[in-house]
Amino acid sequence: MKITLPIKPNSFKNTFCVFKEVPLIEIENIKSNFISSSGSTYYYTELGMYRLSNHWGRLANSKWRLESLEIENQSKTKLGFALWEDFYPDNSKEELYYITTDFKTKTVNYQHKNNPLYDNKAVLRNSFETTKKIKQIRNLLNLTSWAKHFEYYDLEVLQEKIITDLMFTNKPLEEIKRDLR
């Protein structure tokens, strides 16, 4: 995809994108193209966009997430980079999102169906339903009071079974739990 620079900031309304955190040195010799009213700075290149910001997540009409580097630093301001082809359309009505869970780190996230890693197995949901399921999964991962209603040998196995059913079926949480009792 060939991009003609400069790009208008409104070009990114209603998009979903996952930026990868990169070191600040990557923008050392690049002139910024746009500074938002909230203080985020944007750098456009032929390959993609750098965004220097102290806030990530829901941005006006878009959902932009930052995957942080392994090495934590104290600064809240982070530099992210995304290829142009990593920007996907977003709206609240269509079933565009699927959920991924990392059981080792006890983290849950949503991904866009246009992501090349999507294998067509996880259920696609709209934004509202995705948010609802993510909240349920976070509670299952971080709380244990719900487990007192089950007889189980290994809590992690029980968590994984319930969460997997939430990600890969349309069954409500209560039905999944009822089926396991």
C-alpha atoms as a PDB file:
ATOM      1  CA  MET A   1       0.000   0.000   0.000  1.00  0.00           C
ATOM      2  CA  LYS A   2       1.619   3.230  -1.176  1.00  0.00           C
ATOM      3  CA  ILE A   3       0.937   6.190   1.097  1.00  0.00           C
ATOM      4  CA  THR A   4       1.031   9.772  -0.084  1.00  0.00           C
ATOM      5  CA  LEU A   5       2.356  12.072   2.613  1.00  0.00           C
ATOM      6  CA  PRO A   6       1.235  14.150   4.409  1.00  0.00           C
ATOM      7  CA  ILE A   7      -1.767  12.280   5.769  1.00  0.00           C
ATOM      8  CA  LYS A   8      -4.677  14.051   7.415  1.00  0.00           C
ATOM      9  CA  PRO A   9      -5.225  13.071  11.086  1.00  0.00           C
ATOM     10  CA  ASN A  10      -8.941  12.453  10.406  1.00  0.00           C
ATOM     11  CA  SER A  11      -7.903   9.595   8.078  1.00  0.00           C
ATOM     12  CA  PHE A  12      -7.623   7.399  11.162  1.00  0.00           C
ATOM     13  CA  LYS A  13     -11.102   7.916  12.599  1.00  0.00           C
ATOM     14  CA  ASN A  14     -12.919   4.673  13.364  1.00  0.00           C
ATOM     15  CA  THR A  15      -9.840   2.463  13.204  1.00  0.00           C
ATOM     16  CA  PHE A  16      -8.340  -0.281  15.343  1.00  0.00           C
ATOM     17  CA  CYS A  17      -4.570  -0.715  15.532  1.00  0.00           C
ATOM     18  CA  VAL A  18      -1.980  -2.409  17.710  1.00  0.00           C
ATOM     19  CA  PHE A  19       1.254  -0.413  17.858  1.00  0.00           C
ATOM     20  CA  LYS A  20       4.544  -2.009  18.911  1.00  0.00           C
ATOM     21  CA  GLU A  21       6.641   0.000  21.351  1.00  0.00           C
ATOM     22  CA  VAL A  22       9.982   1.020  19.894  1.00  0.00           C
ATOM     23  CA  PRO A  23      12.959   2.973  21.284  1.00  0.00           C
ATOM     24  CA  LEU A  24      12.848   6.780  21.004  1.00  0.00           C
ATOM     25  CA  ILE A  25      16.003   6.727  18.889  1.00  0.00           C
ATOM     26  CA  GLU A  26      13.857   5.598  15.922  1.00  0.00           C
ATOM     27  CA  ILE A  27      12.376   9.107  15.508  1.00  0.00           C
ATOM     28  CA  GLU A  28      15.621  10.955  16.153  1.00  0.00           C
ATOM     29  CA  ASN A  29      15.942  12.208  12.561  1.00  0.00           C
ATOM     30  CA  ILE A  30      12.259  12.322  11.600  1.00  0.00           C
ATOM     31  CA  LYS A  31      10.216  15.524  11.560  1.00  0.00           C
ATOM     32  CA  SER A  32       6.803  15.281  13.226  1.00  0.00           C
ATOM     33  CA  ASN A  33       3.751  15.609  11.000  1.00  0.00           C
ATOM     34  CA  PHE A  34       1.069  16.369  13.560  1.00  0.00           C
ATOM     35  CA  ILE A  35       0.599  17.164  17.253  1.00  0.00           C
ATOM     36  CA  SER A  36      -2.850  16.517  18.682  1.00  0.00           C
ATOM     37  CA  SER A  37      -4.645  18.759  21.154  1.00  0.00           C
ATOM     38  CA  SER A  38      -3.955  16.115  23.839  1.00  0.00           C
ATOM     39  CA  GLY A  39      -0.199  16.301  23.174  1.00  0.00           C
ATOM     40  CA  SER A  40       0.403  13.142  21.140  1.00  0.00           C
ATOM     41  CA  THR A  41       2.944  13.560  18.359  1.00  0.00           C
ATOM     42  CA  TYR A  42       2.674  11.706  15.046  1.00  0.00           C
ATOM     43  CA  TYR A  43       5.444  10.875  12.589  1.00  0.00           C
ATOM     44  CA  TYR A  44       4.437   9.473   9.188  1.00  0.00           C
ATOM     45  CA  THR A  45       6.807   7.381   7.096  1.00  0.00           C
ATOM     46  CA  GLU A  46       6.406   5.424   3.883  1.00  0.00           C
ATOM     47  CA  LEU A  47       6.045   2.198   5.916  1.00  0.00           C
ATOM     48  CA  GLY A  48       3.816   3.377   8.723  1.00  0.00           C
ATOM     49  CA  MET A  49       3.207   5.708  11.634  1.00  0.00           C
ATOM     50  CA  TYR A  50       5.077   6.471  14.844  1.00  0.00           C
ATOM     51  CA  ARG A  51       3.010   7.834  17.723  1.00  0.00           C
ATOM     52  CA  LEU A  52       4.625   9.397  20.792  1.00  0.00           C
ATOM     53  CA  SER A  53       2.076   9.605  23.584  1.00  0.00           C
ATOM     54  CA  ASN A  54       1.392   9.207  27.283  1.00  0.00           C
ATOM     55  CA  HIS A  55      -2.052   7.687  26.684  1.00  0.00           C
ATOM     56  CA  TRP A  56      -3.161   4.643  24.687  1.00  0.00           C
ATOM     57  CA  GLY A  57      -6.429   2.740  24.309  1.00  0.00           C
ATOM     58  CA  ARG A  58      -9.641   4.401  23.223  1.00  0.00           C
ATOM     59  CA  LEU A  59      -8.837   7.599  21.345  1.00  0.00           C
ATOM     60  CA  ALA A  60     -11.852   9.616  20.261  1.00  0.00           C
ATOM     61  CA  ASN A  61     -13.337   7.347  17.558  1.00  0.00           C
ATOM     62  CA  SER A  62     -10.483   4.818  17.443  1.00  0.00           C
ATOM     63  CA  LYS A  63      -9.041   1.945  19.440  1.00  0.00           C
ATOM     64  CA  TRP A  64      -5.250   2.041  19.446  1.00  0.00           C
ATOM     65  CA  ARG A  65      -3.328  -0.226  21.783  1.00  0.00           C
ATOM     66  CA  LEU A  66       0.378  -0.305  22.557  1.00  0.00           C
ATOM     67  CA  GLU A  67       2.250  -3.571  23.024  1.00  0.00           C
ATOM     68  CA  SER A  68       5.036  -2.553  25.385  1.00  0.00           C
ATOM     69  CA  LEU A  69       8.649  -3.564  25.211  1.00  0.00           C
ATOM     70  CA  GLU A  70       9.716  -6.244  27.663  1.00  0.00           C
ATOM     71  CA  ILE A  71      11.924  -3.759  29.501  1.00  0.00           C
ATOM     72  CA  GLU A  72       9.794  -1.493  31.694  1.00  0.00           C
ATOM     73  CA  ASN A  73      10.764   2.114  32.153  1.00  0.00           C
ATOM     74  CA  GLN A  74       9.426   4.827  34.440  1.00  0.00           C
ATOM     75  CA  SER A  75       8.267   7.117  31.643  1.00  0.00           C
ATOM     76  CA  LYS A  76       4.562   7.173  30.869  1.00  0.00           C
ATOM     77  CA  THR A  77       5.343   8.585  27.432  1.00  0.00           C
ATOM     78  CA  LYS A  78       5.932   5.769  24.963  1.00  0.00           C
ATOM     79  CA  LEU A  79       6.739   5.584  21.279  1.00  0.00           C
ATOM     80  CA  GLY A  80       4.763   3.117  19.207  1.00  0.00           C
ATOM     81  CA  PHE A  81       5.031   2.124  15.553  1.00  0.00           C
ATOM     82  CA  ALA A  82       2.437   0.515  13.291  1.00  0.00           C
ATOM     83  CA  LEU A  83       2.547  -0.395   9.637  1.00  0.00           C
ATOM     84  CA  TRP A  84      -0.115   1.231   7.470  1.00  0.00           C
ATOM     85  CA  GLU A  85      -1.664  -2.169   6.782  1.00  0.00           C
ATOM     86  CA  ASP A  86      -2.145  -2.728  10.538  1.00  0.00           C
ATOM     87  CA  PHE A  87      -4.942  -0.138  10.701  1.00  0.00           C
ATOM     88  CA  TYR A  88      -8.303  -1.901  10.486  1.00  0.00           C
ATOM     89  CA  PRO A  89     -11.828  -0.483  10.245  1.00  0.00           C
ATOM     90  CA  ASP A  90     -13.786  -0.140  13.485  1.00  0.00           C
ATOM     91  CA  ASN A  91     -17.421   0.386  14.363  1.00  0.00           C
ATOM     92  CA  SER A  92     -19.656  -0.601  17.255  1.00  0.00           C
ATOM     93  CA  LYS A  93     -22.188  -2.684  15.324  1.00  0.00           C
ATOM     94  CA  GLU A  94     -20.196  -5.251  13.311  1.00  0.00           C
ATOM     95  CA  GLU A  95     -18.699  -8.402  14.799  1.00  0.00           C
ATOM     96  CA  LEU A  96     -15.076  -7.385  14.259  1.00  0.00           C
ATOM     97  CA  TYR A  97     -13.312  -8.623  17.398  1.00  0.00           C
ATOM     98  CA  TYR A  98     -12.108 -11.842  18.930  1.00  0.00           C
ATOM     99  CA  ILE A  99     -10.570 -12.432  22.340  1.00  0.00           C
ATOM    100  CA  THR A 100      -7.143 -13.824  23.200  1.00  0.00           C
ATOM    101  CA  THR A 101      -5.975 -14.874  26.652  1.00  0.00           C
ATOM    102  CA  ASP A 102      -2.475 -15.521  27.941  1.00  0.00           C
ATOM    103  CA  PHE A 103      -2.970 -17.878  30.874  1.00  0.00           C
ATOM    104  CA  LYS A 104       0.647 -17.581  32.017  1.00  0.00           C
ATOM    105  CA  THR A 105       0.554 -13.809  32.431  1.00  0.00           C
ATOM    106  CA  LYS A 106      -3.178 -13.755  33.244  1.00  0.00           C
ATOM    107  CA  THR A 107      -3.891 -11.167  30.583  1.00  0.00           C
ATOM    108  CA  VAL A 108      -6.764 -10.891  28.140  1.00  0.00           C
ATOM    109  CA  ASN A 109      -7.069  -8.731  25.046  1.00  0.00           C
ATOM    110  CA  TYR A 110      -9.109  -8.315  21.912  1.00  0.00           C
ATOM    111  CA  GLN A 111      -7.885  -8.492  18.348  1.00  0.00           C
ATOM    112  CA  HIS A 112      -9.411  -7.505  15.011  1.00  0.00           C
ATOM    113  CA  LYS A 113     -10.671 -10.166  12.615  1.00  0.00           C
ATOM    114  CA  ASN A 114      -8.462  -8.710   9.849  1.00  0.00           C
ATOM    115  CA  ASN A 115      -5.377  -9.547  11.915  1.00  0.00           C
ATOM    116  CA  PRO A 116      -3.408 -12.118   9.876  1.00  0.00           C
ATOM    117  CA  LEU A 117      -3.108 -14.283  13.018  1.00  0.00           C
ATOM    118  CA  TYR A 118      -6.878 -14.807  13.235  1.00  0.00           C
ATOM    119  CA  ASP A 119      -7.579 -18.513  12.635  1.00  0.00           C
ATOM    120  CA  ASN A 120     -11.401 -18.278  12.338  1.00  0.00           C
ATOM    121  CA  LYS A 121     -11.863 -20.338  15.526  1.00  0.00           C
ATOM    122  CA  ALA A 122     -12.571 -17.742  18.213  1.00  0.00           C
ATOM    123  CA  VAL A 123     -16.059 -16.237  18.128  1.00  0.00           C
ATOM    124  CA  LEU A 124     -16.305 -12.764  16.600  1.00  0.00           C
ATOM    125  CA  ARG A 125     -18.230 -10.172  18.591  1.00  0.00           C
ATOM    126  CA  ASN A 126     -19.141  -6.509  18.397  1.00  0.00           C
ATOM    127  CA  SER A 127     -17.416  -3.986  20.691  1.00  0.00           C
ATOM    128  CA  PHE A 128     -20.030  -4.174  23.456  1.00  0.00           C
ATOM    129  CA  GLU A 129     -20.074  -7.975  23.650  1.00  0.00           C
ATOM    130  CA  THR A 130     -16.276  -8.122  23.463  1.00  0.00           C
ATOM    131  CA  THR A 131     -15.943  -5.705  26.381  1.00  0.00           C
ATOM    132  CA  LYS A 132     -18.464  -7.716  28.405  1.00  0.00           C
ATOM    133  CA  LYS A 133     -16.619 -11.023  27.815  1.00  0.00           C
ATOM    134  CA  ILE A 134     -13.234  -9.444  28.600  1.00  0.00           C
ATOM    135  CA  LYS A 135     -14.560  -8.227  31.948  1.00  0.00           C
ATOM    136  CA  GLN A 136     -15.848 -11.731  32.754  1.00  0.00           C
ATOM    137  CA  ILE A 137     -12.509 -13.292  31.780  1.00  0.00           C
ATOM    138  CA  ARG A 138     -10.533 -10.799  33.884  1.00  0.00           C
ATOM    139  CA  ASN A 139     -12.716 -11.630  36.875  1.00  0.00           C
ATOM    140  CA  LEU A 140     -12.169 -15.360  36.313  1.00  0.00           C
ATOM    141  CA  LEU A 141      -8.403 -14.810  36.087  1.00  0.00           C
ATOM    142  CA  ASN A 142      -8.011 -12.462  39.053  1.00  0.00           C
ATOM    143  CA  LEU A 143     -10.689 -13.467  41.537  1.00  0.00           C
ATOM    144  CA  THR A 144     -11.221 -16.849  43.207  1.00  0.00           C
ATOM    145  CA  SER A 145     -14.508 -16.410  45.096  1.00  0.00           C
ATOM    146  CA  TRP A 146     -16.470 -17.739  42.096  1.00  0.00           C
ATOM    147  CA  ALA A 147     -14.625 -21.087  42.342  1.00  0.00           C
ATOM    148  CA  LYS A 148     -16.101 -21.999  45.749  1.00  0.00           C
ATOM    149  CA  HIS A 149     -19.177 -23.318  43.923  1.00  0.00           C
ATOM    150  CA  PHE A 150     -17.107 -25.984  42.121  1.00  0.00           C
ATOM    151  CA  GLU A 151     -15.368 -29.165  43.078  1.00  0.00           C
ATOM    152  CA  TYR A 152     -11.992 -29.029  41.377  1.00  0.00           C
ATOM    153  CA  TYR A 153      -8.477 -30.301  41.757  1.00  0.00           C
ATOM    154  CA  ASP A 154      -6.629 -27.505  39.947  1.00  0.00           C
ATOM    155  CA  LEU A 155      -8.034 -23.945  39.808  1.00  0.00           C
ATOM    156  CA  GLU A 156      -5.950 -23.050  36.741  1.00  0.00           C
ATOM    157  CA  VAL A 157      -7.419 -25.970  34.767  1.00  0.00           C
ATOM    158  CA  LEU A 158     -10.943 -24.889  35.742  1.00  0.00           C
ATOM    159  CA  GLN A 159     -10.208 -21.256  34.795  1.00  0.00           C
ATOM    160  CA  GLU A 160      -8.799 -22.279  31.441  1.00  0.00           C
ATOM    161  CA  LYS A 161     -11.801 -24.485  30.624  1.00  0.00           C
ATOM    162  CA  ILE A 162     -14.336 -21.757  31.415  1.00  0.00           C
ATOM    163  CA  ILE A 163     -12.371 -19.007  29.664  1.00  0.00           C
ATOM    164  CA  THR A 164     -11.775 -21.137  26.579  1.00  0.00           C
ATOM    165  CA  ASP A 165     -15.521 -21.771  26.348  1.00  0.00           C
ATOM    166  CA  LEU A 166     -16.140 -18.013  26.641  1.00  0.00           C
ATOM    167  CA  MET A 167     -13.719 -17.291  23.789  1.00  0.00           C
ATOM    168  CA  PHE A 168     -14.765 -20.093  21.438  1.00  0.00           C
ATOM    169  CA  THR A 169     -18.538 -20.353  21.984  1.00  0.00           C
ATOM    170  CA  ASN A 170     -21.506 -18.033  22.317  1.00  0.00           C
ATOM    171  CA  LYS A 171     -22.613 -19.688  25.555  1.00  0.00           C
ATOM    172  CA  PRO A 172     -23.286 -17.273  28.415  1.00  0.00           C
ATOM    173  CA  LEU A 173     -20.961 -17.543  31.407  1.00  0.00           C
ATOM    174  CA  GLU A 174     -23.701 -18.897  33.690  1.00  0.00           C
ATOM    175  CA  GLU A 175     -24.477 -21.714  31.252  1.00  0.00           C
ATOM    176  CA  ILE A 176     -20.779 -22.656  31.010  1.00  0.00           C
ATOM    177  CA  LYS A 177     -20.526 -22.755  34.789  1.00  0.00           C
ATOM    178  CA  ARG A 178     -23.761 -24.734  35.134  1.00  0.00           C
ATOM    179  CA  ASP A 179     -22.518 -27.326  32.635  1.00  0.00           C
ATOM    180  CA  LEU A 180     -19.325 -27.817  34.697  1.00  0.00           C
ATOM    181  CA  ARG A 181     -21.038 -28.328  38.059  1.00  0.00           C
END
